[in-house]
PDB file of N, CA and C in Angstrom:
ATOM      1  N   MET A   1      60.533  57.620  37.024  1.00  0.00           N
ATOM      2  CA  MET A   1      59.215  57.618  36.435  1.00  0.00           C
ATOM      3  C   MET A   1      59.358  57.510  34.920  1.00  0.00           C
ATOM      4  N   PRO A   2      58.912  56.437  34.315  1.00  0.00           N
ATOM      5  CA  PRO A   2      59.076  56.237  32.881  1.00  0.00           C
ATOM      6  C   PRO A   2      58.349  57.250  32.016  1.00  0.00           C
ATOM      7  N   ILE A   3      57.099  57.546  32.330  1.00  0.00           N
ATOM      8  CA  ILE A   3      56.365  58.528  31.544  1.00  0.00           C
ATOM      9  C   ILE A   3      56.628  59.880  32.168  1.00  0.00           C
ATOM     10  N   GLN A   4      57.124  60.794  31.385  1.00  0.00           N
ATOM     11  CA  GLN A   4      57.503  62.075  31.933  1.00  0.00           C
ATOM     12  C   GLN A   4      56.301  62.981  32.132  1.00  0.00           C
ATOM     13  N   GLN A   5      55.491  63.131  31.105  1.00  0.00           N
ATOM     14  CA  GLN A   5      54.404  64.079  31.231  1.00  0.00           C
ATOM     15  C   GLN A   5      53.317  63.808  30.213  1.00  0.00           C
ATOM     16  N   ILE A   6      52.161  64.335  30.510  1.00  0.00           N
ATOM     17  CA  ILE A   6      51.055  64.360  29.570  1.00  0.00           C
ATOM     18  C   ILE A   6      50.692  65.830  29.444  1.00  0.00           C
ATOM     19  N   SER A   7      51.184  66.481  28.397  1.00  0.00           N
ATOM     20  CA  SER A   7      50.885  67.900  28.204  1.00  0.00           C
ATOM     21  C   SER A   7      50.162  68.068  26.873  1.00  0.00           C
ATOM     22  N   GLY A   8      49.156  68.873  26.878  1.00  0.00           N
ATOM     23  CA  GLY A   8      48.368  69.068  25.672  1.00  0.00           C
ATOM     24  C   GLY A   8      47.268  68.035  25.522  1.00  0.00           C
ATOM     25  N   CYS A   9      46.927  67.361  26.610  1.00  0.00           N
ATOM     26  CA  CYS A   9      45.889  66.325  26.592  1.00  0.00           C
ATOM     27  C   CYS A   9      44.556  66.925  26.161  1.00  0.00           C
ATOM     28  N   ILE A  10      43.853  66.231  25.279  1.00  0.00           N
ATOM     29  CA  ILE A  10      42.537  66.682  24.815  1.00  0.00           C
ATOM     30  C   ILE A  10      41.403  65.876  25.452  1.00  0.00           C
ATOM     31  N   GLY A  11      41.734  64.940  26.332  1.00  0.00           N
ATOM     32  CA  GLY A  11      40.727  64.176  27.054  1.00  0.00           C
ATOM     33  C   GLY A  11      40.044  63.083  26.255  1.00  0.00           C
ATOM     34  N   CYS A  12      40.692  62.553  25.243  1.00  0.00           N
ATOM     35  CA  CYS A  12      40.073  61.541  24.379  1.00  0.00           C
ATOM     36  C   CYS A  12      40.080  60.140  24.991  1.00  0.00           C
ATOM     37  N   GLU A  13      40.880  59.923  26.030  1.00  0.00           N
ATOM     38  CA  GLU A  13      41.002  58.652  26.751  1.00  0.00           C
ATOM     39  C   GLU A  13      41.694  57.538  25.963  1.00  0.00           C
ATOM     40  N   ALA A  14      42.319  57.846  24.841  1.00  0.00           N
ATOM     41  CA  ALA A  14      43.019  56.824  24.057  1.00  0.00           C
ATOM     42  C   ALA A  14      44.156  56.199  24.858  1.00  0.00           C
ATOM     43  N   CYS A  15      44.887  56.996  25.605  1.00  0.00           N
ATOM     44  CA  CYS A  15      45.993  56.468  26.408  1.00  0.00           C
ATOM     45  C   CYS A  15      45.479  55.596  27.541  1.00  0.00           C
ATOM     46  N   VAL A  16      44.392  56.005  28.157  1.00  0.00           N
ATOM     47  CA  VAL A  16      43.808  55.238  29.262  1.00  0.00           C
ATOM     48  C   VAL A  16      43.369  53.869  28.772  1.00  0.00           C
ATOM     49  N   LYS A  17      42.706  53.837  27.624  1.00  0.00           N
ATOM     50  CA  LYS A  17      42.199  52.587  27.065  1.00  0.00           C
ATOM     51  C   LYS A  17      43.310  51.682  26.554  1.00  0.00           C
ATOM     52  N   SER A  18      44.419  52.256  26.126  1.00  0.00           N
ATOM     53  CA  SER A  18      45.503  51.451  25.553  1.00  0.00           C
ATOM     54  C   SER A  18      46.501  50.940  26.589  1.00  0.00           C
ATOM     55  N   CYS A  19      46.492  51.473  27.794  1.00  0.00           N
ATOM     56  CA  CYS A  19      47.474  51.088  28.810  1.00  0.00           C
ATOM     57  C   CYS A  19      47.150  49.724  29.406  1.00  0.00           C
ATOM     58  N   PRO A  20      48.020  48.724  29.192  1.00  0.00           N
ATOM     59  CA  PRO A  20      47.748  47.379  29.707  1.00  0.00           C
ATOM     60  C   PRO A  20      47.977  47.230  31.208  1.00  0.00           C
ATOM     61  N   THR A  21      48.658  48.187  31.831  1.00  0.00           N
ATOM     62  CA  THR A  21      48.950  48.068  33.262  1.00  0.00           C
ATOM     63  C   THR A  21      48.179  49.066  34.120  1.00  0.00           C
ATOM     64  N   ASP A  22      47.198  49.768  33.536  1.00  0.00           N
ATOM     65  CA  ASP A  22      46.315  50.651  34.292  1.00  0.00           C
ATOM     66  C   ASP A  22      47.070  51.773  34.995  1.00  0.00           C
ATOM     67  N   VAL A  23      48.082  52.312  34.335  1.00  0.00           N
ATOM     68  CA  VAL A  23      48.908  53.377  34.899  1.00  0.00           C
ATOM     69  C   VAL A  23      48.250  54.743  34.737  1.00  0.00           C
ATOM     70  N   ILE A  24      47.546  54.934  33.640  1.00  0.00           N
ATOM     71  CA  ILE A  24      46.976  56.243  33.305  1.00  0.00           C
ATOM     72  C   ILE A  24      45.467  56.220  33.561  1.00  0.00           C
ATOM     73  N   HIS A  25      44.987  57.269  34.212  1.00  0.00           N
ATOM     74  CA  HIS A  25      43.559  57.408  34.516  1.00  0.00           C
ATOM     75  C   HIS A  25      43.101  58.801  34.132  1.00  0.00           C
ATOM     76  N   MET A  26      41.808  58.960  33.968  1.00  0.00           N
ATOM     77  CA  MET A  26      41.252  60.275  33.693  1.00  0.00           C
ATOM     78  C   MET A  26      40.993  60.995  35.015  1.00  0.00           C
ATOM     79  N   ASN A  27      41.373  62.246  35.065  1.00  0.00           N
ATOM     80  CA  ASN A  27      41.062  63.099  36.196  1.00  0.00           C
ATOM     81  C   ASN A  27      39.676  63.665  35.933  1.00  0.00           C
ATOM     82  N   LYS A  28      38.712  63.326  36.762  1.00  0.00           N
ATOM     83  CA  LYS A  28      37.314  63.740  36.549  1.00  0.00           C
ATOM     84  C   LYS A  28      37.116  65.243  36.697  1.00  0.00           C
ATOM     85  N   THR A  29      37.985  65.902  37.449  1.00  0.00           N
ATOM     86  CA  THR A  29      37.872  67.343  37.633  1.00  0.00           C
ATOM     87  C   THR A  29      38.334  68.110  36.394  1.00  0.00           C
ATOM     88  N   THR A  30      39.481  67.708  35.849  1.00  0.00           N
ATOM     89  CA  THR A  30      40.051  68.417  34.699  1.00  0.00           C
ATOM     90  C   THR A  30      39.683  67.784  33.365  1.00  0.00           C
ATOM     91  N   ASN A  31      39.155  66.558  33.400  1.00  0.00           N
ATOM     92  CA  ASN A  31      38.848  65.789  32.189  1.00  0.00           C
ATOM     93  C   ASN A  31      40.096  65.582  31.327  1.00  0.00           C
ATOM     94  N   LYS A  32      41.228  65.414  31.992  1.00  0.00           N
ATOM     95  CA  LYS A  32      42.508  65.162  31.331  1.00  0.00           C
ATOM     96  C   LYS A  32      43.116  63.888  31.903  1.00  0.00           C
ATOM     97  N   ALA A  33      43.955  63.247  31.114  1.00  0.00           N
ATOM     98  CA  ALA A  33      44.640  62.038  31.578  1.00  0.00           C
ATOM     99  C   ALA A  33      45.733  62.414  32.566  1.00  0.00           C
ATOM    100  N   GLU A  34      45.945  61.538  33.545  1.00  0.00           N
ATOM    101  CA  GLU A  34      47.019  61.748  34.504  1.00  0.00           C
ATOM    102  C   GLU A  34      47.667  60.405  34.825  1.00  0.00           C
ATOM    103  N   ILE A  35      48.928  60.463  35.176  1.00  0.00           N
ATOM    104  CA  ILE A  35      49.690  59.261  35.513  1.00  0.00           C
ATOM    105  C   ILE A  35      49.504  58.997  36.997  1.00  0.00           C
ATOM    106  N   ARG A  36      48.836  57.903  37.331  1.00  0.00           N
ATOM    107  CA  ARG A  36      48.570  57.598  38.735  1.00  0.00           C
ATOM    108  C   ARG A  36      49.581  56.631  39.328  1.00  0.00           C
ATOM    109  N   TYR A  37      50.064  55.686  38.532  1.00  0.00           N
ATOM    110  CA  TYR A  37      50.969  54.658  39.042  1.00  0.00           C
ATOM    111  C   TYR A  37      52.216  54.550  38.152  1.00  0.00           C
ATOM    112  N   PRO A  38      53.076  55.561  38.165  1.00  0.00           N
ATOM    113  CA  PRO A  38      54.239  55.570  37.272  1.00  0.00           C
ATOM    114  C   PRO A  38      55.191  54.402  37.493  1.00  0.00           C
ATOM    115  N   GLU A  39      55.270  53.896  38.721  1.00  0.00           N
ATOM    116  CA  GLU A  39      56.177  52.793  39.011  1.00  0.00           C
ATOM    117  C   GLU A  39      55.736  51.489  38.345  1.00  0.00           C
ATOM    118  N   ASP A  40      54.480  51.400  37.913  1.00  0.00           N
ATOM    119  CA  ASP A  40      53.968  50.200  37.244  1.00  0.00           C
ATOM    120  C   ASP A  40      54.099  50.248  35.726  1.00  0.00           C
ATOM    121  N   CYS A  41      54.573  51.368  35.194  1.00  0.00           N
ATOM    122  CA  CYS A  41      54.700  51.507  33.737  1.00  0.00           C
ATOM    123  C   CYS A  41      55.717  50.504  33.189  1.00  0.00           C
ATOM    124  N   GLN A  42      55.327  49.794  32.151  1.00  0.00           N
ATOM    125  CA  GLN A  42      56.187  48.790  31.521  1.00  0.00           C
ATOM    126  C   GLN A  42      56.877  49.330  30.264  1.00  0.00           C
ATOM    127  N   ILE A  43      56.741  50.606  30.000  1.00  0.00           N
ATOM    128  CA  ILE A  43      57.374  51.292  28.869  1.00  0.00           C
ATOM    129  C   ILE A  43      57.028  50.592  27.544  1.00  0.00           C
ATOM    130  N   CYS A  44      55.774  50.264  27.368  1.00  0.00           N
ATOM    131  CA  CYS A  44      55.336  49.582  26.145  1.00  0.00           C
ATOM    132  C   CYS A  44      55.070  50.562  25.002  1.00  0.00           C
ATOM    133  N   HIS A  45      55.008  51.849  25.298  1.00  0.00           N
ATOM    134  CA  HIS A  45      54.800  52.919  24.326  1.00  0.00           C
ATOM    135  C   HIS A  45      53.388  52.977  23.756  1.00  0.00           C
ATOM    136  N   LEU A  46      52.468  52.119  24.187  1.00  0.00           N
ATOM    137  CA  LEU A  46      51.127  52.132  23.615  1.00  0.00           C
ATOM    138  C   LEU A  46      50.423  53.464  23.845  1.00  0.00           C
ATOM    139  N   CYS A  47      50.565  54.029  25.026  1.00  0.00           N
ATOM    140  CA  CYS A  47      49.930  55.321  25.297  1.00  0.00           C
ATOM    141  C   CYS A  47      50.447  56.383  24.336  1.00  0.00           C
ATOM    142  N   ARG A  48      51.742  56.405  24.140  1.00  0.00           N
ATOM    143  CA  ARG A  48      52.355  57.385  23.238  1.00  0.00           C
ATOM    144  C   ARG A  48      51.939  57.150  21.790  1.00  0.00           C
ATOM    145  N   LEU A  49      51.881  55.888  21.385  1.00  0.00           N
ATOM    146  CA  LEU A  49      51.522  55.563  20.008  1.00  0.00           C
ATOM    147  C   LEU A  49      50.061  55.854  19.695  1.00  0.00           C
ATOM    148  N   TYR A  50      49.167  55.644  20.647  1.00  0.00           N
ATOM    149  CA  TYR A  50      47.738  55.861  20.411  1.00  0.00           C
ATOM    150  C   TYR A  50      47.279  57.294  20.632  1.00  0.00           C
ATOM    151  N   CYS A  51      48.093  58.113  21.262  1.00  0.00           N
ATOM    152  CA  CYS A  51      47.700  59.507  21.512  1.00  0.00           C
ATOM    153  C   CYS A  51      47.617  60.266  20.192  1.00  0.00           C
ATOM    154  N   PRO A  52      46.438  60.802  19.844  1.00  0.00           N
ATOM    155  CA  PRO A  52      46.285  61.481  18.561  1.00  0.00           C
ATOM    156  C   PRO A  52      46.971  62.844  18.470  1.00  0.00           C
ATOM    157  N   VAL A  53      47.366  63.404  19.619  1.00  0.00           N
ATOM    158  CA  VAL A  53      47.992  64.725  19.603  1.00  0.00           C
ATOM    159  C   VAL A  53      49.433  64.722  20.099  1.00  0.00           C
ATOM    160  N   GLY A  54      49.993  63.546  20.363  1.00  0.00           N
ATOM    161  CA  GLY A  54      51.384  63.461  20.810  1.00  0.00           C
ATOM    162  C   GLY A  54      51.629  64.104  22.155  1.00  0.00           C
ATOM    163  N   ALA A  55      50.691  63.939  23.080  1.00  0.00           N
ATOM    164  CA  ALA A  55      50.780  64.606  24.374  1.00  0.00           C
ATOM    165  C   ALA A  55      51.650  63.876  25.390  1.00  0.00           C
ATOM    166  N   ILE A  56      52.077  62.651  25.092  1.00  0.00           N
ATOM    167  CA  ILE A  56      52.822  61.854  26.061  1.00  0.00           C
ATOM    168  C   ILE A  56      54.296  61.790  25.697  1.00  0.00           C
ATOM    169  N   THR A  57      55.139  62.013  26.695  1.00  0.00           N
ATOM    170  CA  THR A  57      56.588  61.974  26.530  1.00  0.00           C
ATOM    171  C   THR A  57      57.161  60.880  27.418  1.00  0.00           C
ATOM    172  N   ILE A  58      58.055  60.075  26.860  1.00  0.00           N
ATOM    173  CA  ILE A  58      58.761  59.054  27.631  1.00  0.00           C
ATOM    174  C   ILE A  58      60.133  59.623  27.993  1.00  0.00           C
ATOM    175  N   THR A  59      60.526  59.506  29.252  1.00  0.00           N
ATOM    176  CA  THR A  59      61.798  60.079  29.676  1.00  0.00           C
ATOM    177  C   THR A  59      62.973  59.379  28.995  1.00  0.00           C
ATOM    178  N   PRO A  60      64.011  60.106  28.641  1.00  0.00           N
ATOM    179  CA  PRO A  60      65.167  59.510  27.955  1.00  0.00           C
ATOM    180  C   PRO A  60      65.853  58.406  28.743  1.00  0.00           C
ATOM    181  N   GLU A  61      65.937  58.534  30.057  1.00  0.00           N
ATOM    182  CA  GLU A  61      66.632  57.515  30.844  1.00  0.00           C
ATOM    183  C   GLU A  61      65.854  56.199  30.922  1.00  0.00           C
ATOM    184  N   LYS A  62      64.569  56.210  30.638  1.00  0.00           N
ATOM    185  CA  LYS A  62      63.761  54.999  30.655  1.00  0.00           C
ATOM    186  C   LYS A  62      63.350  54.566  29.249  1.00  0.00           C
ATOM    187  N   HIS A  63      63.741  55.314  28.253  1.00  0.00           N
ATOM    188  CA  HIS A  63      63.322  55.045  26.889  1.00  0.00           C
ATOM    189  C   HIS A  63      63.939  53.756  26.357  1.00  0.00           C
ATOM    190  N   ILE A  64      63.122  52.890  25.793  1.00  0.00           N
ATOM    191  CA  ILE A  64      63.597  51.701  25.096  1.00  0.00           C
ATOM    192  C   ILE A  64      62.923  51.697  23.728  1.00  0.00           C
ATOM    193  N   PRO A  65      63.578  51.131  22.731  1.00  0.00           N
ATOM    194  CA  PRO A  65      62.977  51.131  21.385  1.00  0.00           C
ATOM    195  C   PRO A  65      61.684  50.329  21.358  1.00  0.00           C
ATOM    196  N   VAL A  66      60.797  50.747  20.488  1.00  0.00           N
ATOM    197  CA  VAL A  66      59.539  50.032  20.303  1.00  0.00           C
ATOM    198  C   VAL A  66      59.852  48.728  19.592  1.00  0.00           C
ATOM    199  N   MET A  67      59.346  47.636  20.114  1.00  0.00           N
ATOM    200  CA  MET A  67      59.545  46.318  19.503  1.00  0.00           C
ATOM    201  C   MET A  67      58.301  45.932  18.718  1.00  0.00           C
ATOM    202  N   VAL A  68      58.454  45.723  17.448  1.00  0.00           N
ATOM    203  CA  VAL A  68      57.329  45.315  16.611  1.00  0.00           C
ATOM    204  C   VAL A  68      57.658  43.951  16.026  1.00  0.00           C
ATOM    205  N   SER A  69      56.739  43.051  16.188  1.00  0.00           N
ATOM    206  CA  SER A  69      56.938  41.702  15.671  1.00  0.00           C
ATOM    207  C   SER A  69      56.119  41.511  14.396  1.00  0.00           C
ATOM    208  N   TRP A  70      56.777  41.127  13.339  1.00  0.00           N
ATOM    209  CA  TRP A  70      56.091  40.875  12.075  1.00  0.00           C
ATOM    210  C   TRP A  70      56.210  39.400  11.770  1.00  0.00           C
ATOM    211  N   ARG A  71      55.102  38.755  11.587  1.00  0.00           N
ATOM    212  CA  ARG A  71      55.112  37.322  11.293  1.00  0.00           C
ATOM    213  C   ARG A  71      54.471  37.071   9.974  1.00  0.00           C
TER     214      ARG A  71
END
């Protein structure tokens, strides 16, 4: 599982909106983000980068450096 955990979520939905593969969804009961489809994660780091409180952790065994293209 590439994304290890979402702890300290404040329910802002930034990770949900930034995920291009629809891996993260809001849990309507807890109003917190949850990982529904971890096997579909492309490790793009967008969820981690957009989270305002740093609640998302990427597991070390799946961690790849962030690629930024400057043109």
